[in-house]
PDB file of N, CA and C in Angstrom:
ATOM      1  N   UNK A   1      48.068  35.700-157.900  1.00  0.00           N
ATOM      2  CA  UNK A   1      47.132  35.441-156.845  1.00  0.00           C
ATOM      3  C   UNK A   1      47.194  33.993-156.369  1.00  0.00           C
ATOM      4  N   UNK A   2      47.453  33.077-157.281  1.00  0.00           N
ATOM      5  CA  UNK A   2      47.491  31.667-156.930  1.00  0.00           C
ATOM      6  C   UNK A   2      48.641  31.365-155.972  1.00  0.00           C
ATOM      7  N   UNK A   3      49.774  32.082-156.146  1.00  0.00           N
ATOM      8  CA  UNK A   3      50.919  31.853-155.262  1.00  0.00           C
ATOM      9  C   UNK A   3      50.609  32.269-153.829  1.00  0.00           C
ATOM     10  N   UNK A   4      49.879  33.355-153.672  1.00  0.00           N
ATOM     11  CA  UNK A   4      49.506  33.808-152.330  1.00  0.00           C
ATOM     12  C   UNK A   4      48.570  32.792-151.683  1.00  0.00           C
ATOM     13  N   UNK A   5      47.664  32.251-152.469  1.00  0.00           N
ATOM     14  CA  UNK A   5      46.754  31.227-151.960  1.00  0.00           C
ATOM     15  C   UNK A   5      47.492  29.987-151.492  1.00  0.00           C
ATOM     16  N   UNK A   6      48.466  29.547-152.292  1.00  0.00           N
ATOM     17  CA  UNK A   6      49.270  28.376-151.900  1.00  0.00           C
ATOM     18  C   UNK A   6      50.064  28.669-150.637  1.00  0.00           C
ATOM     19  N   UNK A   7      50.632  29.869-150.573  1.00  0.00           N
ATOM     20  CA  UNK A   7      51.408  30.251-149.390  1.00  0.00           C
ATOM     21  C   UNK A   7      50.534  30.240-148.143  1.00  0.00           C
ATOM     22  N   UNK A   8      49.338  30.765-148.237  1.00  0.00           N
ATOM     23  CA  UNK A   8      48.430  30.773-147.087  1.00  0.00           C
ATOM     24  C   UNK A   8      48.031  29.355-146.672  1.00  0.00           C
ATOM     25  N   UNK A   9      47.832  28.478-147.636  1.00  0.00           N
ATOM     26  CA  UNK A   9      47.496  27.086-147.319  1.00  0.00           C
ATOM     27  C   UNK A   9      48.668  26.416-146.610  1.00  0.00           C
ATOM     28  N   UNK A  10      49.882  26.629-147.087  1.00  0.00           N
ATOM     29  CA  UNK A  10      51.068  26.031-146.465  1.00  0.00           C
ATOM     30  C   UNK A  10      51.262  26.579-145.056  1.00  0.00           C
ATOM     31  N   UNK A  11      51.141  27.887-144.886  1.00  0.00           N
ATOM     32  CA  UNK A  11      51.293  28.489-143.554  1.00  0.00           C
ATOM     33  C   UNK A  11      50.220  27.942-142.611  1.00  0.00           C
ATOM     34  N   UNK A  12      48.999  27.810-143.090  1.00  0.00           N
ATOM     35  CA  UNK A  12      47.926  27.254-142.269  1.00  0.00           C
ATOM     36  C   UNK A  12      48.202  25.813-141.872  1.00  0.00           C
ATOM     37  N   UNK A  13      48.715  25.023-142.803  1.00  0.00           N
ATOM     38  CA  UNK A  13      49.036  23.620-142.498  1.00  0.00           C
ATOM     39  C   UNK A  13      50.165  23.529-141.481  1.00  0.00           C
ATOM     40  N   UNK A  14      51.159  24.391-141.607  1.00  0.00           N
ATOM     41  CA  UNK A  14      52.270  24.401-140.644  1.00  0.00           C
ATOM     42  C   UNK A  14      51.767  24.795-139.264  1.00  0.00           C
ATOM     43  N   UNK A  15      50.925  25.804-139.191  1.00  0.00           N
ATOM     44  CA  UNK A  15      50.371  26.213-137.896  1.00  0.00           C
ATOM     45  C   UNK A  15      49.502  25.118-137.288  1.00  0.00           C
ATOM     46  N   UNK A  16      48.747  24.426-138.107  1.00  0.00           N
ATOM     47  CA  UNK A  16      47.930  23.318-137.628  1.00  0.00           C
ATOM     48  C   UNK A  16      48.806  22.194-137.075  1.00  0.00           C
ATOM     49  N   UNK A  17      49.875  21.878-137.787  1.00  0.00           N
ATOM     50  CA  UNK A  17      50.796  20.826-137.333  1.00  0.00           C
ATOM     51  C   UNK A  17      51.485  21.238-136.037  1.00  0.00           C
ATOM     52  N   UNK A  18      51.909  22.492-135.931  1.00  0.00           N
ATOM     53  CA  UNK A  18      52.539  22.964-134.695  1.00  0.00           C
ATOM     54  C   UNK A  18      51.568  22.920-133.525  1.00  0.00           C
ATOM     55  N   UNK A  19      50.333  23.284-133.771  1.00  0.00           N
ATOM     56  CA  UNK A  19      49.317  23.210-132.720  1.00  0.00           C
ATOM     57  C   UNK A  19      49.110  21.789-132.235  1.00  0.00           C
ATOM     58  N   UNK A  20      49.073  20.847-133.160  1.00  0.00           N
ATOM     59  CA  UNK A  20      48.912  19.432-132.787  1.00  0.00           C
ATOM     60  C   UNK A  20      50.118  18.944-131.993  1.00  0.00           C
ATOM     61  N   UNK A  21      51.318  19.358-132.391  1.00  0.00           N
ATOM     62  CA  UNK A  21      52.528  18.966-131.654  1.00  0.00           C
ATOM     63  C   UNK A  21      52.486  19.511-130.239  1.00  0.00           C
ATOM     64  N   UNK A  22      52.098  20.768-130.078  1.00  0.00           N
ATOM     65  CA  UNK A  22      52.033  21.357-128.739  1.00  0.00           C
ATOM     66  C   UNK A  22      50.967  20.675-127.880  1.00  0.00           C
ATOM     67  N   UNK A  23      49.862  20.310-128.474  1.00  0.00           N
ATOM     68  CA  UNK A  23      48.839  19.576-127.721  1.00  0.00           C
ATOM     69  C   UNK A  23      49.367  18.223-127.249  1.00  0.00           C
ATOM     70  N   UNK A  24      50.058  17.524-128.123  1.00  0.00           N
ATOM     71  CA  UNK A  24      50.605  16.221-127.764  1.00  0.00           C
ATOM     72  C   UNK A  24      51.721  16.350-126.727  1.00  0.00           C
ATOM     73  N   UNK A  25      52.556  17.375-126.854  1.00  0.00           N
ATOM     74  CA  UNK A  25      53.621  17.583-125.873  1.00  0.00           C
ATOM     75  C   UNK A  25      53.050  17.949-124.506  1.00  0.00           C
ATOM     76  N   UNK A  26      51.926  18.637-124.494  1.00  0.00           N
ATOM     77  CA  UNK A  26      51.295  18.995-123.228  1.00  0.00           C
ATOM     78  C   UNK A  26      50.788  17.776-122.475  1.00  0.00           C
ATOM     79  N   UNK A  27      50.441  16.739-123.192  1.00  0.00           N
ATOM     80  CA  UNK A  27      49.938  15.517-122.555  1.00  0.00           C
ATOM     81  C   UNK A  27      51.053  14.607-122.064  1.00  0.00           C
ATOM     82  N   UNK A  28      52.289  14.828-122.506  1.00  0.00           N
ATOM     83  CA  UNK A  28      53.398  13.965-122.109  1.00  0.00           C
ATOM     84  C   UNK A  28      54.002  14.386-120.776  1.00  0.00           C
ATOM     85  N   UNK A  29      53.610  15.519-120.263  1.00  0.00           N
ATOM     86  CA  UNK A  29      54.093  16.047-118.985  1.00  0.00           C
ATOM     87  C   UNK A  29      55.608  16.231-118.974  1.00  0.00           C
ATOM     88  N   UNK A  30      56.177  16.655-120.115  1.00  0.00           N
ATOM     89  CA  UNK A  30      57.590  17.000-120.137  1.00  0.00           C
ATOM     90  C   UNK A  30      57.796  18.281-119.353  1.00  0.00           C
ATOM     91  N   UNK A  31      58.905  18.405-118.634  1.00  0.00           N
ATOM     92  CA  UNK A  31      59.096  19.593-117.793  1.00  0.00           C
ATOM     93  C   UNK A  31      59.622  20.811-118.554  1.00  0.00           C
ATOM     94  N   UNK A  32      59.334  20.909-119.848  1.00  0.00           N
ATOM     95  CA  UNK A  32      59.803  22.069-120.597  1.00  0.00           C
ATOM     96  C   UNK A  32      59.197  23.341-120.004  1.00  0.00           C
ATOM     97  N   UNK A  33      60.054  24.308-119.735  1.00  0.00           N
ATOM     98  CA  UNK A  33      59.613  25.538-119.092  1.00  0.00           C
ATOM     99  C   UNK A  33      59.767  25.489-117.585  1.00  0.00           C
ATOM    100  N   UNK A  34      60.073  24.318-117.044  1.00  0.00           N
ATOM    101  CA  UNK A  34      60.275  24.176-115.601  1.00  0.00           C
ATOM    102  C   UNK A  34      61.592  23.463-115.307  1.00  0.00           C
ATOM    103  N   UNK A  35      62.547  23.591-116.214  1.00  0.00           N
ATOM    104  CA  UNK A  35      63.841  22.937-116.055  1.00  0.00           C
ATOM    105  C   UNK A  35      64.733  23.747-115.115  1.00  0.00           C
ATOM    106  N   UNK A  36      65.716  23.094-114.496  1.00  0.00           N
ATOM    107  CA  UNK A  36      66.696  23.860-113.717  1.00  0.00           C
ATOM    108  C   UNK A  36      67.420  24.829-114.646  1.00  0.00           C
ATOM    109  N   UNK A  37      67.533  26.051-114.259  1.00  0.00           N
ATOM    110  CA  UNK A  37      68.141  27.068-115.106  1.00  0.00           C
ATOM    111  C   UNK A  37      67.122  27.994-115.739  1.00  0.00           C
ATOM    112  N   UNK A  38      65.854  27.628-115.717  1.00  0.00           N
ATOM    113  CA  UNK A  38      64.797  28.532-116.171  1.00  0.00           C
ATOM    114  C   UNK A  38      64.556  29.546-115.051  1.00  0.00           C
ATOM    115  N   UNK A  39      64.539  30.803-115.408  1.00  0.00           N
ATOM    116  CA  UNK A  39      64.482  31.872-114.416  1.00  0.00           C
ATOM    117  C   UNK A  39      63.046  32.354-114.256  1.00  0.00           C
ATOM    118  N   UNK A  40      62.583  32.374-113.022  1.00  0.00           N
ATOM    119  CA  UNK A  40      61.260  32.895-112.695  1.00  0.00           C
ATOM    120  C   UNK A  40      61.393  33.870-111.540  1.00  0.00           C
ATOM    121  N   UNK A  41      60.861  35.081-111.737  1.00  0.00           N
ATOM    122  CA  UNK A  41      60.843  36.068-110.670  1.00  0.00           C
ATOM    123  C   UNK A  41      59.394  36.442-110.403  1.00  0.00           C
ATOM    124  N   UNK A  42      58.981  36.285-109.159  1.00  0.00           N
ATOM    125  CA  UNK A  42      57.613  36.657-108.780  1.00  0.00           C
ATOM    126  C   UNK A  42      57.687  37.803-107.784  1.00  0.00           C
ATOM    127  N   UNK A  43      57.203  38.959-108.198  1.00  0.00           N
ATOM    128  CA  UNK A  43      57.130  40.110-107.308  1.00  0.00           C
ATOM    129  C   UNK A  43      55.726  40.241-106.761  1.00  0.00           C
ATOM    130  N   UNK A  44      55.448  41.406-106.169  1.00  0.00           N
ATOM    131  CA  UNK A  44      54.107  41.627-105.626  1.00  0.00           C
ATOM    132  C   UNK A  44      53.053  41.647-106.720  1.00  0.00           C
ATOM    133  N   UNK A  45      53.308  42.437-107.763  1.00  0.00           N
ATOM    134  CA  UNK A  45      52.297  42.618-108.806  1.00  0.00           C
ATOM    135  C   UNK A  45      52.745  42.133-110.181  1.00  0.00           C
ATOM    136  N   UNK A  46      53.874  41.468-110.246  1.00  0.00           N
ATOM    137  CA  UNK A  46      54.380  41.064-111.557  1.00  0.00           C
ATOM    138  C   UNK A  46      55.103  39.721-111.475  1.00  0.00           C
ATOM    139  N   UNK A  47      55.115  39.045-112.588  1.00  0.00           N
ATOM    140  CA  UNK A  47      55.867  37.803-112.713  1.00  0.00           C
ATOM    141  C   UNK A  47      56.654  37.869-114.015  1.00  0.00           C
ATOM    142  N   UNK A  48      57.953  37.591-113.928  1.00  0.00           N
ATOM    143  CA  UNK A  48      58.818  37.580-115.103  1.00  0.00           C
ATOM    144  C   UNK A  48      59.373  36.171-115.228  1.00  0.00           C
ATOM    145  N   UNK A  49      59.221  35.589-116.409  1.00  0.00           N
ATOM    146  CA  UNK A  49      59.666  34.225-116.653  1.00  0.00           C
ATOM    147  C   UNK A  49      60.563  34.214-117.870  1.00  0.00           C
ATOM    148  N   UNK A  50      61.769  33.669-117.728  1.00  0.00           N
ATOM    149  CA  UNK A  50      62.696  33.543-118.843  1.00  0.00           C
ATOM    150  C   UNK A  50      63.200  32.106-118.892  1.00  0.00           C
ATOM    151  N   UNK A  51      62.715  31.308-119.856  1.00  0.00           N
ATOM    152  CA  UNK A  51      63.088  29.891-119.930  1.00  0.00           C
ATOM    153  C   UNK A  51      64.455  29.695-120.593  1.00  0.00           C
ATOM    154  N   UNK A  52      65.517  30.013-119.884  1.00  0.00           N
ATOM    155  CA  UNK A  52      66.868  29.975-120.443  1.00  0.00           C
ATOM    156  C   UNK A  52      67.278  28.558-120.866  1.00  0.00           C
ATOM    157  N   UNK A  53      67.175  27.594-119.971  1.00  0.00           N
ATOM    158  CA  UNK A  53      67.576  26.224-120.277  1.00  0.00           C
ATOM    159  C   UNK A  53      66.692  25.618-121.366  1.00  0.00           C
ATOM    160  N   UNK A  54      65.407  25.861-121.291  1.00  0.00           N
ATOM    161  CA  UNK A  54      64.493  25.354-122.307  1.00  0.00           C
ATOM    162  C   UNK A  54      64.838  25.940-123.677  1.00  0.00           C
ATOM    163  N   UNK A  55      65.179  27.222-123.723  1.00  0.00           N
ATOM    164  CA  UNK A  55      65.543  27.864-124.988  1.00  0.00           C
ATOM    165  C   UNK A  55      66.815  27.259-125.572  1.00  0.00           C
ATOM    166  N   UNK A  56      67.791  26.973-124.724  1.00  0.00           N
ATOM    167  CA  UNK A  56      69.041  26.382-125.201  1.00  0.00           C
ATOM    168  C   UNK A  56      68.789  24.979-125.750  1.00  0.00           C
ATOM    169  N   UNK A  57      68.026  24.165-125.023  1.00  0.00           N
ATOM    170  CA  UNK A  57      67.720  22.814-125.501  1.00  0.00           C
ATOM    171  C   UNK A  57      66.937  22.843-126.802  1.00  0.00           C
ATOM    172  N   UNK A  58      65.975  23.739-126.908  1.00  0.00           N
ATOM    173  CA  UNK A  58      65.186  23.865-128.135  1.00  0.00           C
ATOM    174  C   UNK A  58      66.065  24.306-129.299  1.00  0.00           C
ATOM    175  N   UNK A  59      66.990  25.209-129.043  1.00  0.00           N
ATOM    176  CA  UNK A  59      67.911  25.671-130.076  1.00  0.00           C
ATOM    177  C   UNK A  59      68.801  24.538-130.569  1.00  0.00           C
ATOM    178  N   UNK A  60      69.327  23.739-129.659  1.00  0.00           N
ATOM    179  CA  UNK A  60      70.167  22.600-130.043  1.00  0.00           C
ATOM    180  C   UNK A  60      69.360  21.603-130.868  1.00  0.00           C
ATOM    181  N   UNK A  61      68.151  21.293-130.418  1.00  0.00           N
ATOM    182  CA  UNK A  61      67.293  20.345-131.138  1.00  0.00           C
ATOM    183  C   UNK A  61      66.980  20.836-132.546  1.00  0.00           C
ATOM    184  N   UNK A  62      66.580  22.100-132.682  1.00  0.00           N
ATOM    185  CA  UNK A  62      66.233  22.631-134.002  1.00  0.00           C
ATOM    186  C   UNK A  62      67.455  22.737-134.903  1.00  0.00           C
ATOM    187  N   UNK A  63      68.619  23.066-134.341  1.00  0.00           N
ATOM    188  CA  UNK A  63      69.844  23.118-135.125  1.00  0.00           C
ATOM    189  C   UNK A  63      70.165  21.749-135.702  1.00  0.00           C
ATOM    190  N   UNK A  64      70.085  20.704-134.862  1.00  0.00           N
ATOM    191  CA  UNK A  64      70.340  19.345-135.348  1.00  0.00           C
ATOM    192  C   UNK A  64      69.309  18.918-136.388  1.00  0.00           C
ATOM    193  N   UNK A  65      68.050  19.253-136.155  1.00  0.00           N
ATOM    194  CA  UNK A  65      66.990  18.890-137.083  1.00  0.00           C
ATOM    195  C   UNK A  65      67.211  19.533-138.451  1.00  0.00           C
ATOM    196  N   UNK A  66      67.488  20.834-138.472  1.00  0.00           N
ATOM    197  CA  UNK A  66      67.688  21.521-139.747  1.00  0.00           C
ATOM    198  C   UNK A  66      68.992  21.088-140.421  1.00  0.00           C
ATOM    199  N   UNK A  67      70.009  20.755-139.628  1.00  0.00           N
ATOM    200  CA  UNK A  67      71.250  20.243-140.201  1.00  0.00           C
ATOM    201  C   UNK A  67      70.989  18.913-140.912  1.00  0.00           C
ATOM    202  N   UNK A  68      70.274  18.030-140.246  1.00  0.00           N
ATOM    203  CA  UNK A  68      69.982  16.726-140.851  1.00  0.00           C
ATOM    204  C   UNK A  68      69.066  16.853-142.065  1.00  0.00           C
ATOM    205  N   UNK A  69      68.116  17.767-142.007  1.00  0.00           N
ATOM    206  CA  UNK A  69      67.235  17.983-143.163  1.00  0.00           C
ATOM    207  C   UNK A  69      68.041  18.491-144.346  1.00  0.00           C
ATOM    208  N   UNK A  70      68.967  19.412-144.109  1.00  0.00           N
ATOM    209  CA  UNK A  70      69.811  19.936-145.177  1.00  0.00           C
ATOM    210  C   UNK A  70      70.776  18.890-145.697  1.00  0.00           C
ATOM    211  N   UNK A  71      71.246  18.046-144.823  1.00  0.00           N
ATOM    212  CA  UNK A  71      72.200  16.999-145.201  1.00  0.00           C
ATOM    213  C   UNK A  71      71.547  15.954-146.111  1.00  0.00           C
ATOM    214  N   UNK A  72      70.324  15.547-145.788  1.00  0.00           N
ATOM    215  CA  UNK A  72      69.647  14.521-146.584  1.00  0.00           C
ATOM    216  C   UNK A  72      68.971  15.090-147.819  1.00  0.00           C
ATOM    217  N   UNK A  73      68.843  16.381-147.881  1.00  0.00           N
ATOM    218  CA  UNK A  73      68.160  17.002-149.018  1.00  0.00           C
ATOM    219  C   UNK A  73      69.041  17.005-150.268  1.00  0.00           C
ATOM    220  N   UNK A  74      70.351  16.989-150.068  1.00  0.00           N
ATOM    221  CA  UNK A  74      71.279  17.061-151.213  1.00  0.00           C
ATOM    222  C   UNK A  74      71.331  15.783-151.971  1.00  0.00           C
TER     223      UNK A  74
END
């Protein structure tokens, strides 16, 4: 039971940290989600949004971050 409690505390802390990061990023007015290459289709009754360029940049950033974390962990 103690392991589940620790896991829930860690997951909660990670979610709290991610929420704080998103709040801070929202105040910086970065154009994430509105970059050239992000696809937006607006029809009469529907809107479809696919952030292609933002997804690629985020993937590159996270790949480098996890690579560096793994590199320094050894």
